Amino acid sequence: MEKIRLSEIKNLVEYEKVRNQFRTKIIQLKNDRRVKVGERITLTFENRYTVVFQIEEMMRAERLVDELKIQQEVDIYNELIPGPNELSATLFVEVDNPADIKPVLDSLVGLNRNCLFLQLGERMIPAMFEEGHATESRISAVQYVRFVFKDDDVREIADLNVPMRVIIRHRNYNANVAIAENVRRAIYYDITEGANANVWEWL
């Protein structure tokens, strides 16, 4: 998937003109790329649209106008853009009660070590976790993961007869869920046609 370029980022004034329309579309787009795995963990698959949205919203919140600083943020957020034949996702650990945050996260230590898989047919594709969000004794509520596919895998994503599931096998958290048809179609689009999408032509 093509990385985001600085030229694709709207300045604060131009973004404000389209923000409501863009935000509404992003909400629907994320709904089609969200997979809930068990009671507490959700994966949201990222693409060029979601990453541009995050950059624009960060700029708006921080009132960034300096191009050098904006480029630095673009470089950071581009880490969420998957490479060829890849999917990237943001993993959220959902905890409603603040008092439960620490015990829940403590119970999930080690989640980043060979516990999360995407099953496609008979093949188990392990998640690769971004470093810096977990240690031997702690784990963050937000993680960034990637799944790397072979060419045949990509074709099988589009074949609804091939089972596709997200599986978590952790000593304190075991869950698996079939990926819904709308999500499969969305992520197949991201890997193929949407890999070089012009974000603003979408509006």
C-alpha atoms as a PDB file:
ATOM      1  CA  MET A   1       0.000   0.000   0.000  1.00  0.00           C
ATOM      2  CA  GLU A   2       1.351   3.400  -0.967  1.00  0.00           C
ATOM      3  CA  LYS A   3       2.570   5.574   1.896  1.00  0.00           C
ATOM      4  CA  ILE A   4       0.873   8.883   2.665  1.00  0.00           C
ATOM      5  CA  ARG A   5       2.528  11.931   1.118  1.00  0.00           C
ATOM      6  CA  LEU A   6       2.639  15.383   2.663  1.00  0.00           C
ATOM      7  CA  SER A   7       0.888  16.752  -0.436  1.00  0.00           C
ATOM      8  CA  GLU A   8      -2.174  14.643   0.442  1.00  0.00           C
ATOM      9  CA  ILE A   9      -2.657  16.353   3.795  1.00  0.00           C
ATOM     10  CA  LYS A  10      -5.043  19.299   3.866  1.00  0.00           C
ATOM     11  CA  ASN A  11      -4.239  22.372   5.901  1.00  0.00           C
ATOM     12  CA  LEU A  12      -6.441  23.229   8.878  1.00  0.00           C
ATOM     13  CA  VAL A  13      -8.723  25.565   6.951  1.00  0.00           C
ATOM     14  CA  GLU A  14      -9.298  23.193   4.042  1.00  0.00           C
ATOM     15  CA  TYR A  15      -9.776  20.203   6.323  1.00  0.00           C
ATOM     16  CA  GLU A  16     -12.399  21.997   8.397  1.00  0.00           C
ATOM     17  CA  LYS A  17     -14.499  22.473   5.254  1.00  0.00           C
ATOM     18  CA  VAL A  18     -14.773  18.728   4.648  1.00  0.00           C
ATOM     19  CA  ARG A  19     -14.298  17.330   8.148  1.00  0.00           C
ATOM     20  CA  ASN A  20     -17.911  16.412   8.927  1.00  0.00           C
ATOM     21  CA  GLN A  21     -18.394  14.608   5.632  1.00  0.00           C
ATOM     22  CA  PHE A  22     -15.015  12.870   5.896  1.00  0.00           C
ATOM     23  CA  ARG A  23     -15.585  11.830   9.515  1.00  0.00           C
ATOM     24  CA  THR A  24     -18.985  10.329   8.696  1.00  0.00           C
ATOM     25  CA  LYS A  25     -17.468   8.239   5.917  1.00  0.00           C
ATOM     26  CA  ILE A  26     -14.562   7.127   8.099  1.00  0.00           C
ATOM     27  CA  ILE A  27     -16.947   5.894  10.800  1.00  0.00           C
ATOM     28  CA  GLN A  28     -18.678   3.645   8.263  1.00  0.00           C
ATOM     29  CA  LEU A  29     -15.373   2.575   6.754  1.00  0.00           C
ATOM     30  CA  LYS A  30     -14.059   1.518  10.173  1.00  0.00           C
ATOM     31  CA  ASN A  31     -17.282  -0.368  10.902  1.00  0.00           C
ATOM     32  CA  ASP A  32     -16.523  -2.484   7.831  1.00  0.00           C
ATOM     33  CA  ARG A  33     -12.997  -3.172   9.065  1.00  0.00           C
ATOM     34  CA  ARG A  34     -13.622  -3.890  12.731  1.00  0.00           C
ATOM     35  CA  VAL A  35     -13.499  -7.395  14.222  1.00  0.00           C
ATOM     36  CA  LYS A  36     -14.401  -8.039  17.849  1.00  0.00           C
ATOM     37  CA  VAL A  37     -12.560 -11.039  19.251  1.00  0.00           C
ATOM     38  CA  GLY A  38     -14.077 -12.099  22.543  1.00  0.00           C
ATOM     39  CA  GLU A  39     -15.327  -9.657  25.158  1.00  0.00           C
ATOM     40  CA  ARG A  40     -12.391  -7.280  25.399  1.00  0.00           C
ATOM     41  CA  ILE A  41     -10.300  -7.222  22.230  1.00  0.00           C
ATOM     42  CA  THR A  42     -11.094  -5.489  18.958  1.00  0.00           C
ATOM     43  CA  LEU A  43      -9.057  -5.289  15.769  1.00  0.00           C
ATOM     44  CA  THR A  44      -9.576  -2.416  13.333  1.00  0.00           C
ATOM     45  CA  PHE A  45      -7.828  -2.846  10.001  1.00  0.00           C
ATOM     46  CA  GLU A  46      -6.092   0.298   8.750  1.00  0.00           C
ATOM     47  CA  ASN A  47      -5.764   1.732   5.248  1.00  0.00           C
ATOM     48  CA  ARG A  48      -4.855   4.999   3.534  1.00  0.00           C
ATOM     49  CA  TYR A  49      -8.191   6.603   4.477  1.00  0.00           C
ATOM     50  CA  THR A  50      -7.986   5.800   8.184  1.00  0.00           C
ATOM     51  CA  VAL A  51      -4.369   6.944   8.399  1.00  0.00           C
ATOM     52  CA  VAL A  52      -5.043  10.270   6.663  1.00  0.00           C
ATOM     53  CA  PHE A  53      -7.968  10.783   9.028  1.00  0.00           C
ATOM     54  CA  GLN A  54      -5.753  10.199  12.058  1.00  0.00           C
ATOM     55  CA  ILE A  55      -3.155  12.653  10.747  1.00  0.00           C
ATOM     56  CA  GLU A  56      -5.759  15.309  10.007  1.00  0.00           C
ATOM     57  CA  GLU A  57      -7.407  14.906  13.402  1.00  0.00           C
ATOM     58  CA  MET A  58      -4.042  15.095  15.178  1.00  0.00           C
ATOM     59  CA  MET A  59      -3.160  18.269  13.261  1.00  0.00           C
ATOM     60  CA  ARG A  60      -6.526  19.768  14.156  1.00  0.00           C
ATOM     61  CA  ALA A  61      -6.126  18.960  17.855  1.00  0.00           C
ATOM     62  CA  GLU A  62      -2.549  20.261  17.993  1.00  0.00           C
ATOM     63  CA  ARG A  63      -3.180  23.175  15.584  1.00  0.00           C
ATOM     64  CA  LEU A  64      -0.167  22.143  13.517  1.00  0.00           C
ATOM     65  CA  VAL A  65       0.725  24.371  10.582  1.00  0.00           C
ATOM     66  CA  ASP A  66       4.501  23.943  10.281  1.00  0.00           C
ATOM     67  CA  GLU A  67       5.250  21.666   7.317  1.00  0.00           C
ATOM     68  CA  LEU A  68       8.315  20.125   8.929  1.00  0.00           C
ATOM     69  CA  LYS A  69       6.344  19.082  12.011  1.00  0.00           C
ATOM     70  CA  ILE A  70       3.494  17.813   9.850  1.00  0.00           C
ATOM     71  CA  GLN A  71       5.951  15.732   7.801  1.00  0.00           C
ATOM     72  CA  GLN A  72       7.299  14.251  11.029  1.00  0.00           C
ATOM     73  CA  GLU A  73       3.773  13.185  11.979  1.00  0.00           C
ATOM     74  CA  VAL A  74       3.136  11.780   8.500  1.00  0.00           C
ATOM     75  CA  ASP A  75       6.296   9.693   8.855  1.00  0.00           C
ATOM     76  CA  ILE A  76       5.113   8.366  12.232  1.00  0.00           C
ATOM     77  CA  TYR A  77       1.607   7.500  11.061  1.00  0.00           C
ATOM     78  CA  ASN A  78       2.924   5.906   7.878  1.00  0.00           C
ATOM     79  CA  GLU A  79       4.057   3.037  10.083  1.00  0.00           C
ATOM     80  CA  LEU A  80       0.375   2.013  10.104  1.00  0.00           C
ATOM     81  CA  ILE A  81       0.341   1.660   6.322  1.00  0.00           C
ATOM     82  CA  PRO A  82       0.728  -2.028   5.385  1.00  0.00           C
ATOM     83  CA  GLY A  83       3.250  -3.136   2.794  1.00  0.00           C
ATOM     84  CA  PRO A  84       2.431  -5.247  -0.295  1.00  0.00           C
ATOM     85  CA  ASN A  85       0.330  -8.320   0.556  1.00  0.00           C
ATOM     86  CA  GLU A  86      -0.027  -7.138   4.147  1.00  0.00           C
ATOM     87  CA  LEU A  87      -2.808  -6.084   6.460  1.00  0.00           C
ATOM     88  CA  SER A  88      -2.167  -3.848   9.428  1.00  0.00           C
ATOM     89  CA  ALA A  89      -4.543  -3.379  12.324  1.00  0.00           C
ATOM     90  CA  THR A  90      -4.875  -1.480  15.558  1.00  0.00           C
ATOM     91  CA  LEU A  91      -5.655  -3.792  18.456  1.00  0.00           C
ATOM     92  CA  PHE A  92      -7.650  -2.299  21.337  1.00  0.00           C
ATOM     93  CA  VAL A  93      -8.109  -3.849  24.762  1.00  0.00           C
ATOM     94  CA  GLU A  94     -11.478  -2.491  25.883  1.00  0.00           C
ATOM     95  CA  VAL A  95     -11.928  -1.850  29.604  1.00  0.00           C
ATOM     96  CA  ASP A  96     -14.927   0.217  30.749  1.00  0.00           C
ATOM     97  CA  ASN A  97     -14.172   0.435  34.478  1.00  0.00           C
ATOM     98  CA  PRO A  98     -10.962   2.402  35.212  1.00  0.00           C
ATOM     99  CA  ALA A  99     -10.373   0.246  38.286  1.00  0.00           C
ATOM    100  CA  ASP A 100     -10.130  -2.815  36.033  1.00  0.00           C
ATOM    101  CA  ILE A 101      -7.545  -1.428  33.589  1.00  0.00           C
ATOM    102  CA  LYS A 102      -4.417  -2.602  35.391  1.00  0.00           C
ATOM    103  CA  PRO A 103      -5.637  -6.104  36.336  1.00  0.00           C
ATOM    104  CA  VAL A 104      -7.015  -6.700  32.846  1.00  0.00           C
ATOM    105  CA  LEU A 105      -3.825  -5.568  31.135  1.00  0.00           C
ATOM    106  CA  ASP A 106      -1.687  -7.525  33.602  1.00  0.00           C
ATOM    107  CA  SER A 107      -3.670 -10.642  32.739  1.00  0.00           C
ATOM    108  CA  LEU A 108      -2.866 -10.128  29.027  1.00  0.00           C
ATOM    109  CA  VAL A 109       0.908  -9.869  29.355  1.00  0.00           C
ATOM    110  CA  GLY A 110       2.440 -12.063  26.664  1.00  0.00           C
ATOM    111  CA  LEU A 111      -0.349 -11.452  24.145  1.00  0.00           C
ATOM    112  CA  ASN A 112       2.287 -10.197  21.718  1.00  0.00           C
ATOM    113  CA  ARG A 113       4.164 -13.503  21.783  1.00  0.00           C
ATOM    114  CA  ASN A 114       2.653 -15.943  19.288  1.00  0.00           C
ATOM    115  CA  CYS A 115      -0.923 -15.692  20.589  1.00  0.00           C
ATOM    116  CA  LEU A 116      -2.787 -13.847  17.816  1.00  0.00           C
ATOM    117  CA  PHE A 117      -3.425 -15.432  14.422  1.00  0.00           C
ATOM    118  CA  LEU A 118      -5.432 -14.891  11.291  1.00  0.00           C
ATOM    119  CA  GLN A 119      -6.635 -18.261  10.016  1.00  0.00           C
ATOM    120  CA  LEU A 120      -7.204 -18.502   6.272  1.00  0.00           C
ATOM    121  CA  GLY A 121      -8.311 -21.958   5.215  1.00  0.00           C
ATOM    122  CA  GLU A 122      -5.828 -24.361   6.806  1.00  0.00           C
ATOM    123  CA  ARG A 123      -3.113 -21.722   7.174  1.00  0.00           C
ATOM    124  CA  MET A 124      -2.431 -19.905  10.442  1.00  0.00           C
ATOM    125  CA  ILE A 125      -0.868 -16.485   9.847  1.00  0.00           C
ATOM    126  CA  PRO A 126       0.742 -15.090  13.003  1.00  0.00           C
ATOM    127  CA  ALA A 127       0.411 -11.422  13.930  1.00  0.00           C
ATOM    128  CA  MET A 128       3.607  -9.399  14.042  1.00  0.00           C
ATOM    129  CA  PHE A 129       3.379  -6.852  16.851  1.00  0.00           C
ATOM    130  CA  GLU A 130       5.042  -3.448  16.638  1.00  0.00           C
ATOM    131  CA  GLU A 131       7.751  -3.177  19.236  1.00  0.00           C
ATOM    132  CA  GLY A 132       7.634  -0.736  22.117  1.00  0.00           C
ATOM    133  CA  HIS A 133       4.111  -1.422  23.367  1.00  0.00           C
ATOM    134  CA  ALA A 134       4.806  -4.406  25.616  1.00  0.00           C
ATOM    135  CA  THR A 135       7.473  -5.724  27.966  1.00  0.00           C
ATOM    136  CA  GLU A 136       7.923  -8.915  29.954  1.00  0.00           C
ATOM    137  CA  SER A 137       5.681  -7.498  32.678  1.00  0.00           C
ATOM    138  CA  ARG A 138       3.446  -4.894  31.029  1.00  0.00           C
ATOM    139  CA  ILE A 139       1.311  -4.449  27.953  1.00  0.00           C
ATOM    140  CA  SER A 140      -0.378  -1.396  26.464  1.00  0.00           C
ATOM    141  CA  ALA A 141      -4.118  -1.261  25.797  1.00  0.00           C
ATOM    142  CA  VAL A 142      -3.322  -0.268  22.209  1.00  0.00           C
ATOM    143  CA  GLN A 143      -1.161  -2.469  20.001  1.00  0.00           C
ATOM    144  CA  TYR A 144      -0.278  -2.320  16.309  1.00  0.00           C
ATOM    145  CA  VAL A 145      -0.084  -5.580  14.366  1.00  0.00           C
ATOM    146  CA  ARG A 146       0.581  -6.841  10.849  1.00  0.00           C
ATOM    147  CA  PHE A 147      -0.332  -9.976   8.948  1.00  0.00           C
ATOM    148  CA  VAL A 148       1.784 -10.945   5.930  1.00  0.00           C
ATOM    149  CA  PHE A 149       0.208 -12.954   3.097  1.00  0.00           C
ATOM    150  CA  LYS A 150       1.337 -14.971   0.124  1.00  0.00           C
ATOM    151  CA  ASP A 151      -0.205 -14.268  -3.280  1.00  0.00           C
ATOM    152  CA  ASP A 152      -2.456 -17.327  -2.959  1.00  0.00           C
ATOM    153  CA  ASP A 153      -3.656 -16.066   0.440  1.00  0.00           C
ATOM    154  CA  VAL A 154      -4.827 -12.789  -1.067  1.00  0.00           C
ATOM    155  CA  ARG A 155      -6.919 -14.620  -3.633  1.00  0.00           C
ATOM    156  CA  GLU A 156      -8.426 -16.788  -0.903  1.00  0.00           C
ATOM    157  CA  ILE A 157      -9.562 -13.720   1.068  1.00  0.00           C
ATOM    158  CA  ALA A 158     -11.946 -13.015  -1.810  1.00  0.00           C
ATOM    159  CA  ASP A 159     -13.205 -16.612  -1.842  1.00  0.00           C
ATOM    160  CA  LEU A 160     -15.990 -16.714   0.731  1.00  0.00           C
ATOM    161  CA  ASN A 161     -15.868 -20.518   0.674  1.00  0.00           C
ATOM    162  CA  VAL A 162     -12.461 -20.387   2.369  1.00  0.00           C
ATOM    163  CA  PRO A 163     -12.870 -20.022   6.151  1.00  0.00           C
ATOM    164  CA  MET A 164     -11.276 -16.882   7.608  1.00  0.00           C
ATOM    165  CA  ARG A 165     -11.061 -16.277  11.351  1.00  0.00           C
ATOM    166  CA  VAL A 166      -9.193 -14.265  13.953  1.00  0.00           C
ATOM    167  CA  ILE A 167      -7.901 -16.478  16.750  1.00  0.00           C
ATOM    168  CA  ILE A 168      -6.386 -15.590  20.122  1.00  0.00           C
ATOM    169  CA  ARG A 169      -4.722 -18.327  22.167  1.00  0.00           C
ATOM    170  CA  HIS A 170      -3.493 -16.840  25.424  1.00  0.00           C
ATOM    171  CA  ARG A 171      -3.363 -18.462  28.838  1.00  0.00           C
ATOM    172  CA  ASN A 172      -5.941 -15.955  30.129  1.00  0.00           C
ATOM    173  CA  TYR A 173      -7.804 -15.134  26.930  1.00  0.00           C
ATOM    174  CA  ASN A 174      -9.013 -17.648  24.368  1.00  0.00           C
ATOM    175  CA  ALA A 175     -11.337 -16.441  21.637  1.00  0.00           C
ATOM    176  CA  ASN A 176     -11.941 -16.827  17.935  1.00  0.00           C
ATOM    177  CA  VAL A 177     -14.372 -15.299  15.502  1.00  0.00           C
ATOM    178  CA  ALA A 178     -15.190 -15.668  11.825  1.00  0.00           C
ATOM    179  CA  ILE A 179     -14.472 -12.556   9.783  1.00  0.00           C
ATOM    180  CA  ALA A 180     -17.736 -11.262   8.374  1.00  0.00           C
ATOM    181  CA  GLU A 181     -18.313 -10.993   4.634  1.00  0.00           C
ATOM    182  CA  ASN A 182     -18.365  -7.184   4.648  1.00  0.00           C
ATOM    183  CA  VAL A 183     -14.998  -7.109   6.433  1.00  0.00           C
ATOM    184  CA  ARG A 184     -13.467  -9.608   4.007  1.00  0.00           C
ATOM    185  CA  ARG A 185     -14.605  -7.540   1.049  1.00  0.00           C
ATOM    186  CA  ALA A 186     -13.243  -4.378   2.656  1.00  0.00           C
ATOM    187  CA  ILE A 187      -9.794  -5.740   3.448  1.00  0.00           C
ATOM    188  CA  TYR A 188      -9.541  -7.402   0.037  1.00  0.00           C
ATOM    189  CA  TYR A 189     -10.213  -3.994  -1.495  1.00  0.00           C
ATOM    190  CA  ASP A 190      -7.491  -2.465   0.703  1.00  0.00           C
ATOM    191  CA  ILE A 191      -4.904  -5.022  -0.419  1.00  0.00           C
ATOM    192  CA  THR A 192      -5.812  -4.713  -4.113  1.00  0.00           C
ATOM    193  CA  GLU A 193      -7.706  -1.733  -5.559  1.00  0.00           C
ATOM    194  CA  GLY A 194      -7.383   0.490  -2.504  1.00  0.00           C
ATOM    195  CA  ALA A 195      -3.632   0.092  -2.148  1.00  0.00           C
ATOM    196  CA  ASN A 196      -3.000   3.381  -3.983  1.00  0.00           C
ATOM    197  CA  ALA A 197      -6.335   5.077  -3.429  1.00  0.00           C
ATOM    198  CA  ASN A 198      -6.698   8.843  -3.736  1.00  0.00           C
ATOM    199  CA  VAL A 199      -8.262   9.629  -0.378  1.00  0.00           C
ATOM    200  CA  TRP A 200      -9.937  12.913  -1.276  1.00  0.00           C
ATOM    201  CA  GLU A 201     -11.541  11.643  -4.495  1.00  0.00           C
ATOM    202  CA  TRP A 202     -13.601   9.477  -2.163  1.00  0.00           C
ATOM    203  CA  LEU A 203     -15.638  12.451  -0.892  1.00  0.00           C
END
